Structure formats: structure tokens, C-alpha cells
Amino acid sequence: MKVDENAQGAVLNRLRRAQGQLAGVIAMIEAGRDCKDVVTQLAAVARALDRAGFKIVASGMRQCMVAAEEGAPPMSEEELEKMFLTLA
């Protein structure tokens, strides 16, 4: 599955944001920052990664529906379920 070009920009922005937030978490730990602050930032990283993953899955589902309409074999229910569970 290739990420739809329309979704790719949004996915890359979210991943870059998560990358920057993760660098911030690492710096906070190295600086001995308060645990609560570190966990708050770590949660923000997790949310950014989740959103990127959900965008990829949504884009993939849209591509599968279009492909099925064009005669290509659709993804099976098991394949779709596996994509969702991978994010859990």
C-alpha cells in the first residue's frame, strides 16, 4: 500500500512534529526535568504518532475501496483488522 499523495503531506507533518516532540522529551530527561512534564510531552508524542497511523490507515482504506471499484482485489477483513490492531 502506498500512502495517498493527498494524505502524505499530512502524515509527514505529523511524523515530523512527533520527531521534534520526541527530541524534546529526550532533552527533558537529560536535563533532569520533572517527571510530570516528561510524561505529558511523551503522551503528546504518542498522540501525534497515533494520528499519523490513523491517517495512513484511513488513506489505505480509501485506496482499497477505489481499487475494488476498479476491479482490483479488495483487502480482506482480516487485513483491515490487522492494520487497526497494529495501532492499538
C-alpha atoms as a PDB file:
ATOM      1  CA  MET A   1       0.000   0.000   0.000  1.00  0.00           C
ATOM      2  CA  LYS A   2       1.263   3.430  -0.936  1.00  0.00           C
ATOM      3  CA  VAL A   3       0.124   6.427   1.080  1.00  0.00           C
ATOM      4  CA  ASP A   4      -2.200   8.612  -0.979  1.00  0.00           C
ATOM      5  CA  GLU A   5      -0.431  11.760  -2.192  1.00  0.00           C
ATOM      6  CA  ASN A   6      -3.109  13.944  -0.584  1.00  0.00           C
ATOM      7  CA  ALA A   7      -2.577  12.269   2.790  1.00  0.00           C
ATOM      8  CA  GLN A   8       1.203  12.016   2.516  1.00  0.00           C
ATOM      9  CA  GLY A   9       1.849  15.666   3.379  1.00  0.00           C
ATOM     10  CA  ALA A  10      -0.337  15.498   6.479  1.00  0.00           C
ATOM     11  CA  VAL A  11       1.259  12.230   7.583  1.00  0.00           C
ATOM     12  CA  LEU A  12       4.780  13.573   7.121  1.00  0.00           C
ATOM     13  CA  ASN A  13       3.912  16.767   9.040  1.00  0.00           C
ATOM     14  CA  ARG A  14       2.560  14.723  11.949  1.00  0.00           C
ATOM     15  CA  LEU A  15       5.607  12.447  11.955  1.00  0.00           C
ATOM     16  CA  ARG A  16       7.992  15.411  11.869  1.00  0.00           C
ATOM     17  CA  ARG A  17       6.081  17.015  14.742  1.00  0.00           C
ATOM     18  CA  ALA A  18       6.348  13.766  16.703  1.00  0.00           C
ATOM     19  CA  GLN A  19      10.049  13.595  15.914  1.00  0.00           C
ATOM     20  CA  GLY A  20      10.558  17.108  17.298  1.00  0.00           C
ATOM     21  CA  GLN A  21       8.493  16.319  20.388  1.00  0.00           C
ATOM     22  CA  LEU A  22      10.492  13.144  20.985  1.00  0.00           C
ATOM     23  CA  ALA A  23      13.735  15.101  20.745  1.00  0.00           C
ATOM     24  CA  GLY A  24      12.258  17.441  23.345  1.00  0.00           C
ATOM     25  CA  VAL A  25      11.421  14.521  25.637  1.00  0.00           C
ATOM     26  CA  ILE A  26      14.979  13.223  25.355  1.00  0.00           C
ATOM     27  CA  ALA A  27      16.348  16.680  26.182  1.00  0.00           C
ATOM     28  CA  MET A  28      13.990  16.949  29.151  1.00  0.00           C
ATOM     29  CA  ILE A  29      15.151  13.624  30.553  1.00  0.00           C
ATOM     30  CA  GLU A  30      18.802  14.559  30.045  1.00  0.00           C
ATOM     31  CA  ALA A  31      18.174  17.865  31.825  1.00  0.00           C
ATOM     32  CA  GLY A  32      16.512  16.120  34.766  1.00  0.00           C
ATOM     33  CA  ARG A  33      13.130  17.771  34.238  1.00  0.00           C
ATOM     34  CA  ASP A  34      10.130  16.935  36.376  1.00  0.00           C
ATOM     35  CA  CYS A  35       8.581  13.520  35.693  1.00  0.00           C
ATOM     36  CA  LYS A  36       5.118  15.005  35.176  1.00  0.00           C
ATOM     37  CA  ASP A  37       6.389  17.322  32.429  1.00  0.00           C
ATOM     38  CA  VAL A  38       8.242  14.476  30.715  1.00  0.00           C
ATOM     39  CA  VAL A  39       5.193  12.200  30.779  1.00  0.00           C
ATOM     40  CA  THR A  40       2.980  14.997  29.429  1.00  0.00           C
ATOM     41  CA  GLN A  41       5.312  15.513  26.478  1.00  0.00           C
ATOM     42  CA  LEU A  42       5.659  11.765  25.936  1.00  0.00           C
ATOM     43  CA  ALA A  43       1.866  11.499  25.751  1.00  0.00           C
ATOM     44  CA  ALA A  44       1.877  14.232  23.094  1.00  0.00           C
ATOM     45  CA  VAL A  45       4.386  12.205  21.065  1.00  0.00           C
ATOM     46  CA  ALA A  46       2.178   9.123  21.333  1.00  0.00           C
ATOM     47  CA  ARG A  47      -0.886  11.081  20.177  1.00  0.00           C
ATOM     48  CA  ALA A  48       0.999  12.506  17.194  1.00  0.00           C
ATOM     49  CA  LEU A  49       2.143   9.021  16.170  1.00  0.00           C
ATOM     50  CA  ASP A  50      -1.374   7.639  16.614  1.00  0.00           C
ATOM     51  CA  ARG A  51      -2.823  10.365  14.413  1.00  0.00           C
ATOM     52  CA  ALA A  52      -0.246   9.694  11.708  1.00  0.00           C
ATOM     53  CA  GLY A  53      -1.027   5.990  11.861  1.00  0.00           C
ATOM     54  CA  PHE A  54      -4.773   6.563  11.686  1.00  0.00           C
ATOM     55  CA  LYS A  55      -4.291   8.850   8.679  1.00  0.00           C
ATOM     56  CA  ILE A  56      -2.261   6.139   6.936  1.00  0.00           C
ATOM     57  CA  VAL A  57      -4.912   3.502   7.679  1.00  0.00           C
ATOM     58  CA  ALA A  58      -7.732   5.787   6.517  1.00  0.00           C
ATOM     59  CA  SER A  59      -5.845   6.544   3.314  1.00  0.00           C
ATOM     60  CA  GLY A  60      -5.239   2.837   2.773  1.00  0.00           C
ATOM     61  CA  MET A  61      -8.903   2.023   3.255  1.00  0.00           C
ATOM     62  CA  ARG A  62      -9.889   4.688   0.738  1.00  0.00           C
ATOM     63  CA  GLN A  63      -7.393   3.281  -1.767  1.00  0.00           C
ATOM     64  CA  CYS A  64      -8.734  -0.226  -1.206  1.00  0.00           C
ATOM     65  CA  MET A  65     -12.296   0.915  -1.872  1.00  0.00           C
ATOM     66  CA  VAL A  66     -11.270   2.692  -5.077  1.00  0.00           C
ATOM     67  CA  ALA A  67      -9.198  -0.305  -6.176  1.00  0.00           C
ATOM     68  CA  ALA A  68     -12.138  -2.632  -5.559  1.00  0.00           C
ATOM     69  CA  GLU A  69     -14.370  -0.393  -7.684  1.00  0.00           C
ATOM     70  CA  GLU A  70     -11.771  -0.597 -10.448  1.00  0.00           C
ATOM     71  CA  GLY A  71     -11.700  -4.398 -10.296  1.00  0.00           C
ATOM     72  CA  ALA A  72      -8.620  -4.929  -8.127  1.00  0.00           C
ATOM     73  CA  PRO A  73      -8.967  -7.380  -5.260  1.00  0.00           C
ATOM     74  CA  PRO A  74     -10.019  -5.564  -2.071  1.00  0.00           C
ATOM     75  CA  MET A  75      -8.228  -6.038   1.216  1.00  0.00           C
ATOM     76  CA  SER A  76      -9.753  -8.758   3.320  1.00  0.00           C
ATOM     77  CA  GLU A  77     -11.495  -8.020   6.587  1.00  0.00           C
ATOM     78  CA  GLU A  78      -8.593  -9.751   8.376  1.00  0.00           C
ATOM     79  CA  GLU A  79      -6.048  -7.481   6.676  1.00  0.00           C
ATOM     80  CA  LEU A  80      -8.014  -4.353   7.618  1.00  0.00           C
ATOM     81  CA  GLU A  81      -8.414  -5.578  11.201  1.00  0.00           C
ATOM     82  CA  LYS A  82      -4.686  -6.280  11.442  1.00  0.00           C
ATOM     83  CA  MET A  83      -3.891  -2.716  10.323  1.00  0.00           C
ATOM     84  CA  PHE A  84      -6.130  -1.263  13.017  1.00  0.00           C
ATOM     85  CA  LEU A  85      -4.853  -3.580  15.759  1.00  0.00           C
ATOM     86  CA  THR A  86      -1.279  -2.744  14.915  1.00  0.00           C
ATOM     87  CA  LEU A  87      -2.002   0.796  16.125  1.00  0.00           C
ATOM     88  CA  ALA A  88      -3.547  -0.314  19.408  1.00  0.00           C
END
